[in-house]
Amino acid sequence: MSNQITRDQIIQKAWEDDVFKQQLLADPKAAIKDAFGVDIPDNIEVTAVEETPEHAYLVIPPKPSALRTASAVEIPAW
């Protein structure tokens, strides 16, 4: 497995593993490190939320110009 995991891989594991899903919701960075061996830098905050049929989330990513000024370590490409 490469050092860069994808959101799809995280979601797939959460669907298949209820314990991982609960860990992901409680402490996303620790859950990702434990499951995939990926350290997310301290300056990056990760929040995991679970959608329901009645409640959806729309995530607005940073503007592309903001991505160009940050290093790949600072803003991971999911």
Protein backbone atom coordinates (compact mmCIF):
# COMPACT_ATOMS: atom_id res chain seq x y z
CA MET A 1 0.00 0.00 0.00
CA SER A 2 1.29 3.45 -0.82
CA ASN A 3 1.69 6.12 1.84
CA GLN A 4 -1.23 8.02 0.34
CA ILE A 5 -4.60 6.50 1.11
CA THR A 6 -7.84 7.68 -0.39
CA ARG A 7 -11.12 8.70 1.10
CA ASP A 8 -12.68 5.76 -0.74
CA GLN A 9 -10.39 3.32 1.10
CA ILE A 10 -11.28 4.85 4.46
CA ILE A 11 -15.00 4.81 3.69
CA GLN A 12 -14.84 1.21 2.44
CA LYS A 13 -13.15 0.08 5.66
CA ALA A 14 -15.71 1.98 7.78
CA TRP A 15 -18.54 0.22 5.92
CA GLU A 16 -16.93 -3.18 6.45
CA ASP A 17 -15.63 -2.75 10.02
CA ASP A 18 -17.93 -1.28 12.68
CA VAL A 19 -15.13 -1.05 15.26
CA PHE A 20 -12.99 0.97 12.84
CA LYS A 21 -15.98 3.19 12.04
CA GLN A 22 -16.51 4.00 15.71
CA GLN A 23 -12.79 4.71 16.15
CA LEU A 24 -12.84 6.89 13.03
CA LEU A 25 -15.75 8.93 14.37
CA ALA A 26 -14.11 9.30 17.81
CA ASP A 27 -10.49 9.96 16.77
CA PRO A 28 -9.98 10.04 12.98
CA LYS A 29 -6.22 10.58 12.97
CA ALA A 30 -5.56 7.69 15.36
CA ALA A 31 -7.95 5.40 13.49
CA ILE A 32 -6.27 6.14 10.14
CA LYS A 33 -2.81 5.63 11.66
CA ASP A 34 -3.84 2.32 13.27
CA ALA A 35 -5.60 0.97 10.18
CA PHE A 36 -3.37 2.27 7.39
CA GLY A 37 -0.11 3.26 9.07
CA VAL A 38 -0.42 6.85 7.87
CA ASP A 39 0.64 9.70 10.15
CA ILE A 40 -1.34 12.88 9.57
CA PRO A 41 0.69 15.95 10.61
CA ASP A 42 -0.23 17.69 13.86
CA ASN A 43 -1.11 20.90 12.00
CA ILE A 44 -3.87 19.08 10.06
CA GLU A 45 -7.22 18.63 11.81
CA VAL A 46 -9.43 15.76 10.65
CA THR A 47 -13.13 15.50 11.44
CA ALA A 48 -15.19 12.42 10.58
CA VAL A 49 -18.97 12.62 10.48
CA GLU A 50 -21.57 10.07 9.50
CA GLU A 51 -24.26 11.08 7.04
CA THR A 52 -27.80 9.80 7.44
CA PRO A 53 -30.64 9.65 4.92
CA GLU A 54 -31.96 12.85 6.51
CA HIS A 55 -28.69 14.74 6.97
CA ALA A 56 -26.02 15.26 4.32
CA TYR A 57 -22.80 17.28 4.44
CA LEU A 58 -21.32 19.41 1.69
CA VAL A 59 -17.56 19.87 2.00
CA ILE A 60 -16.08 22.90 0.29
CA PRO A 61 -12.37 22.30 -0.36
CA PRO A 62 -9.73 25.06 -0.36
CA LYS A 63 -9.47 27.20 -3.48
CA PRO A 64 -6.94 25.78 -5.98
CA SER A 65 -4.71 28.83 -5.48
CA ALA A 66 -4.46 27.96 -1.78
CA LEU A 67 -3.40 24.43 -2.68
CA ARG A 68 -0.55 25.70 -4.85
CA THR A 69 0.95 27.70 -1.98
CA ALA A 70 0.95 24.83 0.52
CA SER A 71 3.19 21.81 0.41
CA ALA A 72 1.80 18.33 -0.18
CA VAL A 73 2.49 17.50 3.45
CA GLU A 74 0.45 20.45 4.70
CA ILE A 75 -2.62 19.64 2.58
CA PRO A 76 -2.86 15.93 1.86
CA ALA A 77 -4.43 14.90 -1.43
CA TRP A 78 -7.27 12.60 -0.56
